[in-house]
C-alpha atoms as a PDB file:
ATOM      1  CA  UNK A   1       4.511 -11.556 -15.799  1.00  0.00           C
ATOM      2  CA  UNK A   2       5.551 -12.102 -12.219  1.00  0.00           C
ATOM      3  CA  UNK A   3       4.515  -9.650  -9.476  1.00  0.00           C
ATOM      4  CA  UNK A   4       3.327  -9.299  -5.857  1.00  0.00           C
ATOM      5  CA  UNK A   5       0.133  -7.449  -4.879  1.00  0.00           C
ATOM      6  CA  UNK A   6      -1.323  -6.506  -1.542  1.00  0.00           C
ATOM      7  CA  UNK A   7      -4.728  -8.092  -1.884  1.00  0.00           C
ATOM      8  CA  UNK A   8      -6.732  -6.345   0.854  1.00  0.00           C
ATOM      9  CA  UNK A   9      -6.403  -2.916  -0.745  1.00  0.00           C
ATOM     10  CA  UNK A  10      -5.620  -3.684  -4.407  1.00  0.00           C
ATOM     11  CA  UNK A  11      -7.494  -1.450  -6.834  1.00  0.00           C
ATOM     12  CA  UNK A  12     -10.397  -3.138  -8.608  1.00  0.00           C
ATOM     13  CA  UNK A  13     -12.471  -2.147 -11.656  1.00  0.00           C
ATOM     14  CA  UNK A  14     -16.298  -1.982 -11.738  1.00  0.00           C
ATOM     15  CA  UNK A  15     -18.000  -5.091 -13.166  1.00  0.00           C
ATOM     16  CA  UNK A  16     -21.628  -4.386 -14.007  1.00  0.00           C
ATOM     17  CA  UNK A  17     -24.089  -6.798 -12.362  1.00  0.00           C
ATOM     18  CA  UNK A  18     -27.040  -8.016 -14.426  1.00  0.00           C
ATOM     19  CA  UNK A  19     -30.117  -6.478 -12.686  1.00  0.00           C
ATOM     20  CA  UNK A  20     -31.891  -9.828 -13.049  1.00  0.00           C
ATOM     21  CA  UNK A  21     -29.347 -11.353 -10.604  1.00  0.00           C
ATOM     22  CA  UNK A  22     -30.177  -8.902  -7.813  1.00  0.00           C
ATOM     23  CA  UNK A  23     -32.511 -10.345  -5.234  1.00  0.00           C
ATOM     24  CA  UNK A  24     -32.191  -7.724  -2.495  1.00  0.00           C
ATOM     25  CA  UNK A  25     -30.237  -4.587  -1.737  1.00  0.00           C
ATOM     26  CA  UNK A  26     -28.006  -2.661  -4.159  1.00  0.00           C
ATOM     27  CA  UNK A  27     -24.855  -4.818  -4.341  1.00  0.00           C
ATOM     28  CA  UNK A  28     -21.936  -3.591  -6.444  1.00  0.00           C
ATOM     29  CA  UNK A  29     -19.296  -5.845  -7.942  1.00  0.00           C
ATOM     30  CA  UNK A  30     -15.684  -4.970  -8.700  1.00  0.00           C
ATOM     31  CA  UNK A  31     -12.820  -7.170  -9.799  1.00  0.00           C
ATOM     32  CA  UNK A  32      -9.440  -7.559 -11.425  1.00  0.00           C
ATOM     33  CA  UNK A  33      -8.095 -10.400 -13.516  1.00  0.00           C
ATOM     34  CA  UNK A  34      -4.487 -10.903 -12.534  1.00  0.00           C
ATOM     35  CA  UNK A  35      -3.618 -13.641 -15.036  1.00  0.00           C
ATOM     36  CA  UNK A  36      -5.374 -15.554 -17.778  1.00  0.00           C
ATOM     37  CA  UNK A  37      -4.213 -18.521 -19.837  1.00  0.00           C
ATOM     38  CA  UNK A  38      -3.559 -17.947 -23.551  1.00  0.00           C
ATOM     39  CA  UNK A  39      -6.840 -19.718 -24.406  1.00  0.00           C
ATOM     40  CA  UNK A  40      -8.767 -17.655 -21.844  1.00  0.00           C
ATOM     41  CA  UNK A  41     -10.072 -20.713 -19.984  1.00  0.00           C
ATOM     42  CA  UNK A  42      -7.980 -20.267 -16.849  1.00  0.00           C
ATOM     43  CA  UNK A  43      -8.417 -17.064 -14.814  1.00  0.00           C
ATOM     44  CA  UNK A  44      -6.791 -15.867 -11.597  1.00  0.00           C
ATOM     45  CA  UNK A  45      -7.919 -12.754  -9.897  1.00  0.00           C
ATOM     46  CA  UNK A  46      -9.670 -10.709  -7.277  1.00  0.00           C
ATOM     47  CA  UNK A  47     -13.376 -10.083  -6.885  1.00  0.00           C
ATOM     48  CA  UNK A  48     -15.448  -7.981  -4.487  1.00  0.00           C
ATOM     49  CA  UNK A  49     -19.171  -7.499  -3.773  1.00  0.00           C
ATOM     50  CA  UNK A  50     -20.912  -5.101  -1.388  1.00  0.00           C
ATOM     51  CA  UNK A  51     -23.796  -6.223   0.818  1.00  0.00           C
ATOM     52  CA  UNK A  52     -27.000  -7.535  -0.773  1.00  0.00           C
ATOM     53  CA  UNK A  53     -28.284 -10.747  -2.275  1.00  0.00           C
ATOM     54  CA  UNK A  54     -27.586 -12.030  -5.808  1.00  0.00           C
ATOM     55  CA  UNK A  55     -27.959 -15.191  -7.809  1.00  0.00           C
ATOM     56  CA  UNK A  56     -25.326 -16.719 -10.129  1.00  0.00           C
ATOM     57  CA  UNK A  57     -24.545 -19.747 -12.199  1.00  0.00           C
ATOM     58  CA  UNK A  58     -20.958 -20.758 -11.355  1.00  0.00           C
ATOM     59  CA  UNK A  59     -17.931 -21.907 -13.221  1.00  0.00           C
ATOM     60  CA  UNK A  60     -15.384 -24.341 -11.695  1.00  0.00           C
ATOM     61  CA  UNK A  61     -13.783 -22.183  -9.045  1.00  0.00           C
ATOM     62  CA  UNK A  62     -11.588 -22.320  -5.994  1.00  0.00           C
ATOM     63  CA  UNK A  63     -11.567 -19.144  -3.928  1.00  0.00           C
ATOM     64  CA  UNK A  64     -10.210 -17.867  -0.614  1.00  0.00           C
ATOM     65  CA  UNK A  65     -12.034 -15.048   1.222  1.00  0.00           C
ATOM     66  CA  UNK A  66      -9.739 -12.207   2.052  1.00  0.00           C
ATOM     67  CA  UNK A  67     -12.334 -10.046   3.979  1.00  0.00           C
ATOM     68  CA  UNK A  68     -16.057  -9.871   4.582  1.00  0.00           C
ATOM     69  CA  UNK A  69     -18.734 -12.429   5.225  1.00  0.00           C
ATOM     70  CA  UNK A  70     -21.358 -14.195   3.083  1.00  0.00           C
ATOM     71  CA  UNK A  71     -23.813 -17.098   3.028  1.00  0.00           C
ATOM     72  CA  UNK A  72     -23.742 -19.012  -0.266  1.00  0.00           C
ATOM     73  CA  UNK A  73     -26.727 -21.298  -0.892  1.00  0.00           C
ATOM     74  CA  UNK A  74     -26.031 -23.929  -3.592  1.00  0.00           C
ATOM     75  CA  UNK A  75     -29.307 -25.100  -5.156  1.00  0.00           C
ATOM     76  CA  UNK A  76     -29.781 -28.735  -4.174  1.00  0.00           C
ATOM     77  CA  UNK A  77     -26.610 -28.682  -2.211  1.00  0.00           C
ATOM     78  CA  UNK A  78     -24.957 -27.194   0.864  1.00  0.00           C
ATOM     79  CA  UNK A  79     -25.215 -23.752   2.472  1.00  0.00           C
ATOM     80  CA  UNK A  80     -21.714 -22.313   2.851  1.00  0.00           C
ATOM     81  CA  UNK A  81     -20.931 -19.715   5.512  1.00  0.00           C
ATOM     82  CA  UNK A  82     -17.691 -17.971   4.462  1.00  0.00           C
ATOM     83  CA  UNK A  83     -15.449 -15.406   6.031  1.00  0.00           C
ATOM     84  CA  UNK A  84     -11.801 -14.292   6.108  1.00  0.00           C
ATOM     85  CA  UNK A  85      -9.432 -17.178   5.553  1.00  0.00           C
ATOM     86  CA  UNK A  86     -12.148 -19.609   4.367  1.00  0.00           C
ATOM     87  CA  UNK A  87     -11.589 -21.500   1.086  1.00  0.00           C
ATOM     88  CA  UNK A  88     -14.458 -22.855  -1.021  1.00  0.00           C
ATOM     89  CA  UNK A  89     -14.964 -24.831  -4.203  1.00  0.00           C
ATOM     90  CA  UNK A  90     -17.837 -24.236  -6.616  1.00  0.00           C
ATOM     91  CA  UNK A  91     -18.604 -26.390  -9.663  1.00  0.00           C
ATOM     92  CA  UNK A  92     -19.584 -25.363 -13.155  1.00  0.00           C
ATOM     93  CA  UNK A  93     -23.383 -25.138 -13.372  1.00  0.00           C
ATOM     94  CA  UNK A  94     -23.947 -24.676  -9.673  1.00  0.00           C
ATOM     95  CA  UNK A  95     -26.849 -22.262  -9.219  1.00  0.00           C
ATOM     96  CA  UNK A  96     -26.124 -20.144  -6.213  1.00  0.00           C
ATOM     97  CA  UNK A  97     -27.632 -17.388  -4.079  1.00  0.00           C
ATOM     98  CA  UNK A  98     -25.067 -15.150  -2.361  1.00  0.00           C
ATOM     99  CA  UNK A  99     -26.198 -13.195   0.702  1.00  0.00           C
ATOM    100  CA  UNK A 100     -23.411 -10.791   1.421  1.00  0.00           C
ATOM    101  CA  UNK A 101     -23.438  -9.610   5.065  1.00  0.00           C
ATOM    102  CA  UNK A 102     -20.184  -7.573   4.916  1.00  0.00           C
ATOM    103  CA  UNK A 103     -18.414  -6.462   1.752  1.00  0.00           C
ATOM    104  CA  UNK A 104     -16.678  -9.607   0.591  1.00  0.00           C
ATOM    105  CA  UNK A 105     -13.359  -9.737  -1.269  1.00  0.00           C
ATOM    106  CA  UNK A 106     -11.924 -12.993  -2.552  1.00  0.00           C
ATOM    107  CA  UNK A 107      -8.973 -14.302  -4.553  1.00  0.00           C
ATOM    108  CA  UNK A 108     -10.022 -16.848  -7.108  1.00  0.00           C
ATOM    109  CA  UNK A 109      -8.927 -19.425  -9.628  1.00  0.00           C
ATOM    110  CA  UNK A 110     -11.530 -20.201 -12.280  1.00  0.00           C
ATOM    111  CA  UNK A 111     -11.601 -22.806 -15.030  1.00  0.00           C
ATOM    112  CA  UNK A 112     -14.071 -22.111 -17.897  1.00  0.00           C
ATOM    113  CA  UNK A 113     -15.486 -24.821 -20.146  1.00  0.00           C
END
């Protein structure tokens, strides 16, 4: 399927967040998979999170921030400050802490093991 989508205001679906991941605040996550490979290992989509602090274990991912701001601390690695127009790469197994300052929306490409 080929299509175009206006990313900043595209409709997203709720994605329940595991309460054990929440460090601070009441962040809410929404998203939308736009494409997945037949084997389900490649995903392309949109993801959004409201302000708060959460932890995660990452997959291999390239993302571009569409709107919002966050600080992403990679355990044993760098601290990333991201905002509109910034691209970032995360690696499978990275343990991260996301502190979302302003509702963050990103477009992503993920590769699962």
